[in-house]
Amino acid sequence: MEEEILNTTKMQKVIAFATSQNVEGAVELLKLCRTQLTTVIADDQFQTLVNAVTLEKESDLIGRLIVEVDKIKQTDYSTIQCLNKPQS
């Protein structure tokens, strides 16, 4: 019962944040804080691969955040992946 209340409280906080005006600032902050590279190409193949994977994962995370926020704003809570994962 207590775990269910905690999960409900977390969900309420996520929904409140995603529907607030602050979420746009959070997305912009993520964009500003991501790895700043002038080029993906590095001195060796390994570092070039690391740079490419890092940028891809960061972009993927920001993209998923935006998609999930849009789902919350449309009140489609059943399809929100981050809210329907089992909590560890």
N, C-alpha and C. Protein backbone atom coordinates (compact mmCIF):
# COMPACT_ATOMS: atom_id res chain seq x y z
N MET A 1 0.82 -1.20 0.00
CA MET A 1 0.00 0.00 0.00
C MET A 1 0.86 1.27 0.00
N GLU A 2 1.89 1.26 0.87
CA GLU A 2 2.77 2.43 0.96
C GLU A 2 3.51 2.66 -0.36
N GLU A 3 3.98 1.56 -1.00
CA GLU A 3 4.67 1.68 -2.28
C GLU A 3 3.74 2.24 -3.34
N GLU A 4 2.48 1.84 -3.33
CA GLU A 4 1.50 2.36 -4.29
C GLU A 4 1.29 3.85 -4.11
N ILE A 5 1.25 4.30 -2.86
CA ILE A 5 1.10 5.73 -2.58
C ILE A 5 2.32 6.49 -3.08
N LEU A 6 3.53 5.93 -2.85
CA LEU A 6 4.75 6.58 -3.33
C LEU A 6 4.75 6.68 -4.85
N ASN A 7 4.35 5.61 -5.53
CA ASN A 7 4.30 5.64 -6.98
C ASN A 7 3.29 6.64 -7.48
N THR A 8 2.14 6.73 -6.81
CA THR A 8 1.12 7.71 -7.18
C THR A 8 1.64 9.12 -6.97
N THR A 9 2.34 9.34 -5.88
CA THR A 9 2.91 10.66 -5.60
C THR A 9 3.96 11.02 -6.65
N LYS A 10 4.80 10.08 -7.00
CA LYS A 10 5.80 10.33 -8.04
C LYS A 10 5.12 10.66 -9.36
N MET A 11 4.09 9.91 -9.70
CA MET A 11 3.38 10.15 -10.95
C MET A 11 2.75 11.53 -10.94
N GLN A 12 2.17 11.92 -9.83
CA GLN A 12 1.55 13.25 -9.73
C GLN A 12 2.60 14.35 -9.91
N LYS A 13 3.78 14.14 -9.34
CA LYS A 13 4.85 15.14 -9.48
C LYS A 13 5.32 15.23 -10.93
N VAL A 14 5.46 14.07 -11.58
CA VAL A 14 5.89 14.04 -12.98
C VAL A 14 4.86 14.75 -13.85
N ILE A 15 3.60 14.45 -13.63
CA ILE A 15 2.53 15.07 -14.42
C ILE A 15 2.49 16.58 -14.17
N ALA A 16 2.62 16.98 -12.92
CA ALA A 16 2.61 18.41 -12.59
C ALA A 16 3.77 19.13 -13.27
N PHE A 17 4.96 18.53 -13.25
CA PHE A 17 6.11 19.15 -13.88
C PHE A 17 5.95 19.20 -15.40
N ALA A 18 5.52 18.09 -15.99
CA ALA A 18 5.41 18.01 -17.46
C ALA A 18 4.37 18.96 -18.01
N THR A 19 3.38 19.29 -17.22
CA THR A 19 2.34 20.21 -17.68
C THR A 19 2.59 21.64 -17.25
N SER A 20 3.70 21.88 -16.55
CA SER A 20 4.01 23.23 -16.11
C SER A 20 4.81 23.99 -17.18
N GLN A 21 4.96 25.27 -16.95
CA GLN A 21 5.77 26.08 -17.86
C GLN A 21 7.26 25.81 -17.68
N ASN A 22 7.63 25.18 -16.58
CA ASN A 22 9.05 24.91 -16.29
C ASN A 22 9.66 23.85 -17.19
N VAL A 23 8.83 23.00 -17.77
CA VAL A 23 9.36 21.90 -18.57
C VAL A 23 10.14 22.40 -19.79
N GLU A 24 9.70 23.48 -20.39
CA GLU A 24 10.43 24.01 -21.55
C GLU A 24 11.82 24.46 -21.14
N GLY A 25 11.94 25.03 -19.96
CA GLY A 25 13.25 25.43 -19.45
C GLY A 25 14.14 24.23 -19.19
N ALA A 26 13.56 23.16 -18.71
CA ALA A 26 14.34 21.94 -18.45
C ALA A 26 14.87 21.35 -19.75
N VAL A 27 14.05 21.34 -20.79
CA VAL A 27 14.50 20.82 -22.09
C VAL A 27 15.63 21.69 -22.63
N GLU A 28 15.49 23.00 -22.52
CA GLU A 28 16.55 23.90 -23.00
C GLU A 28 17.83 23.71 -22.18
N LEU A 29 17.68 23.50 -20.88
CA LEU A 29 18.85 23.27 -20.03
C LEU A 29 19.57 21.99 -20.44
N LEU A 30 18.81 20.93 -20.73
CA LEU A 30 19.42 19.69 -21.22
C LEU A 30 20.18 19.93 -22.52
N LYS A 31 19.60 20.70 -23.41
CA LYS A 31 20.27 21.00 -24.67
C LYS A 31 21.57 21.76 -24.45
N LEU A 32 21.54 22.71 -23.52
CA LEU A 32 22.73 23.51 -23.24
C LEU A 32 23.82 22.70 -22.55
N CYS A 33 23.43 21.73 -21.74
CA CYS A 33 24.38 20.96 -20.94
C CYS A 33 24.94 19.74 -21.67
N ARG A 34 24.40 19.44 -22.84
CA ARG A 34 24.91 18.26 -23.54
C ARG A 34 26.35 18.49 -23.98
N THR A 35 27.01 17.43 -24.35
CA THR A 35 28.41 17.48 -24.76
C THR A 35 28.59 18.45 -25.92
N GLN A 36 29.51 19.38 -25.73
CA GLN A 36 29.77 20.38 -26.76
C GLN A 36 30.98 19.96 -27.57
N LEU A 37 30.74 19.53 -28.79
CA LEU A 37 31.81 19.14 -29.70
C LEU A 37 31.72 19.99 -30.95
N THR A 38 32.85 20.49 -31.40
CA THR A 38 32.85 21.23 -32.66
C THR A 38 32.77 20.26 -33.84
N THR A 39 33.26 19.04 -33.62
CA THR A 39 33.20 18.00 -34.64
C THR A 39 33.16 16.64 -33.97
N VAL A 40 32.56 15.70 -34.60
CA VAL A 40 32.52 14.33 -34.08
C VAL A 40 33.85 13.64 -34.32
N ILE A 41 34.52 14.03 -35.39
CA ILE A 41 35.79 13.42 -35.79
C ILE A 41 36.88 13.76 -34.77
N ALA A 42 37.54 12.73 -34.29
CA ALA A 42 38.61 12.91 -33.31
C ALA A 42 39.94 12.43 -33.90
N ASP A 43 40.96 12.37 -33.06
CA ASP A 43 42.29 11.97 -33.50
C ASP A 43 42.39 10.48 -33.84
N ASP A 44 41.52 9.66 -33.25
CA ASP A 44 41.55 8.24 -33.55
C ASP A 44 40.12 7.70 -33.70
N GLN A 45 40.03 6.51 -34.24
CA GLN A 45 38.72 5.92 -34.53
C GLN A 45 37.91 5.69 -33.26
N PHE A 46 38.59 5.23 -32.21
CA PHE A 46 37.87 4.94 -30.97
C PHE A 46 37.22 6.20 -30.41
N GLN A 47 37.94 7.30 -30.31
CA GLN A 47 37.38 8.53 -29.76
C GLN A 47 36.28 9.09 -30.67
N THR A 48 36.44 8.92 -31.98
CA THR A 48 35.39 9.33 -32.91
C THR A 48 34.11 8.54 -32.64
N LEU A 49 34.25 7.24 -32.42
CA LEU A 49 33.10 6.40 -32.09
C LEU A 49 32.48 6.82 -30.76
N VAL A 50 33.30 7.07 -29.77
CA VAL A 50 32.80 7.53 -28.46
C VAL A 50 32.02 8.83 -28.63
N ASN A 51 32.57 9.77 -29.38
CA ASN A 51 31.89 11.05 -29.61
C ASN A 51 30.53 10.84 -30.29
N ALA A 52 30.51 10.00 -31.31
CA ALA A 52 29.27 9.76 -32.05
C ALA A 52 28.21 9.10 -31.17
N VAL A 53 28.61 8.10 -30.41
CA VAL A 53 27.66 7.41 -29.53
C VAL A 53 27.16 8.35 -28.44
N THR A 54 28.06 9.14 -27.88
CA THR A 54 27.67 10.09 -26.83
C THR A 54 26.62 11.08 -27.35
N LEU A 55 26.89 11.67 -28.50
CA LEU A 55 25.93 12.63 -29.06
C LEU A 55 24.61 11.98 -29.42
N GLU A 56 24.67 10.76 -29.95
CA GLU A 56 23.44 10.05 -30.31
C GLU A 56 22.60 9.75 -29.06
N LYS A 57 23.23 9.29 -28.00
CA LYS A 57 22.49 8.96 -26.78
C LYS A 57 21.92 10.21 -26.13
N GLU A 58 22.68 11.29 -26.11
CA GLU A 58 22.18 12.53 -25.54
C GLU A 58 20.97 13.04 -26.33
N SER A 59 21.07 13.01 -27.64
CA SER A 59 19.96 13.46 -28.48
C SER A 59 18.74 12.56 -28.29
N ASP A 60 18.99 11.25 -28.18
CA ASP A 60 17.91 10.29 -27.96
C ASP A 60 17.19 10.57 -26.64
N LEU A 61 17.95 10.85 -25.60
CA LEU A 61 17.36 11.13 -24.29
C LEU A 61 16.50 12.39 -24.33
N ILE A 62 17.00 13.44 -24.95
CA ILE A 62 16.23 14.68 -25.06
C ILE A 62 14.97 14.43 -25.89
N GLY A 63 15.10 13.69 -26.97
CA GLY A 63 13.94 13.37 -27.81
C GLY A 63 12.89 12.58 -27.06
N ARG A 64 13.33 11.58 -26.29
CA ARG A 64 12.37 10.78 -25.51
C ARG A 64 11.67 11.63 -24.46
N LEU A 65 12.42 12.54 -23.83
CA LEU A 65 11.82 13.43 -22.85
C LEU A 65 10.70 14.25 -23.49
N ILE A 66 10.98 14.80 -24.65
CA ILE A 66 9.98 15.62 -25.34
C ILE A 66 8.76 14.80 -25.71
N VAL A 67 8.96 13.59 -26.20
CA VAL A 67 7.83 12.72 -26.56
C VAL A 67 6.99 12.38 -25.34
N GLU A 68 7.64 12.04 -24.23
CA GLU A 68 6.90 11.68 -23.02
C GLU A 68 6.14 12.89 -22.46
N VAL A 69 6.75 14.06 -22.50
CA VAL A 69 6.08 15.27 -22.03
C VAL A 69 4.85 15.54 -22.89
N ASP A 70 4.99 15.40 -24.19
CA ASP A 70 3.83 15.59 -25.09
C ASP A 70 2.72 14.62 -24.77
N LYS A 71 3.06 13.37 -24.47
CA LYS A 71 2.04 12.38 -24.11
C LYS A 71 1.32 12.78 -22.82
N ILE A 72 2.09 13.26 -21.86
CA ILE A 72 1.49 13.70 -20.59
C ILE A 72 0.56 14.88 -20.83
N LYS A 73 0.99 15.82 -21.64
CA LYS A 73 0.15 16.99 -21.93
C LYS A 73 -1.14 16.60 -22.62
N GLN A 74 -1.11 15.49 -23.36
CA GLN A 74 -2.32 15.00 -24.04
C GLN A 74 -3.11 14.05 -23.13
N THR A 75 -2.66 13.92 -21.89
CA THR A 75 -3.25 13.03 -20.87
C THR A 75 -3.40 11.59 -21.33
N ASP A 76 -2.43 11.11 -22.08
CA ASP A 76 -2.39 9.72 -22.49
C ASP A 76 -1.41 8.98 -21.59
N TYR A 77 -1.75 8.86 -20.31
CA TYR A 77 -0.84 8.31 -19.31
C TYR A 77 -0.54 6.83 -19.52
N SER A 78 -1.41 6.10 -20.17
CA SER A 78 -1.22 4.65 -20.32
C SER A 78 -0.05 4.30 -21.22
N THR A 79 0.35 5.20 -22.10
CA THR A 79 1.44 4.90 -23.03
C THR A 79 2.76 5.53 -22.61
N ILE A 80 2.80 6.16 -21.47
CA ILE A 80 4.02 6.83 -21.03
C ILE A 80 4.98 5.80 -20.44
N GLN A 81 6.04 5.54 -21.18
CA GLN A 81 6.97 4.48 -20.80
C GLN A 81 7.59 4.71 -19.43
N CYS A 82 8.03 5.92 -19.16
CA CYS A 82 8.73 6.16 -17.91
C CYS A 82 7.82 6.04 -16.69
N LEU A 83 6.51 6.20 -16.85
CA LEU A 83 5.59 6.08 -15.73
C LEU A 83 5.09 4.66 -15.55
N ASN A 84 5.23 3.82 -16.54
CA ASN A 84 4.70 2.46 -16.46
C ASN A 84 5.76 1.40 -16.26
N LYS A 85 7.00 1.81 -16.02
CA LYS A 85 8.07 0.86 -15.74
C LYS A 85 7.94 0.40 -14.30
N PRO A 86 8.26 -0.86 -14.03
CA PRO A 86 8.29 -1.29 -12.63
C PRO A 86 9.38 -0.53 -11.89
N GLN A 87 9.08 -0.07 -10.72
CA GLN A 87 10.05 0.68 -9.91
C GLN A 87 10.97 -0.29 -9.20
N SER A 88 12.27 0.01 -9.21
CA SER A 88 13.23 -0.88 -8.53
C SER A 88 13.57 -0.34 -7.17
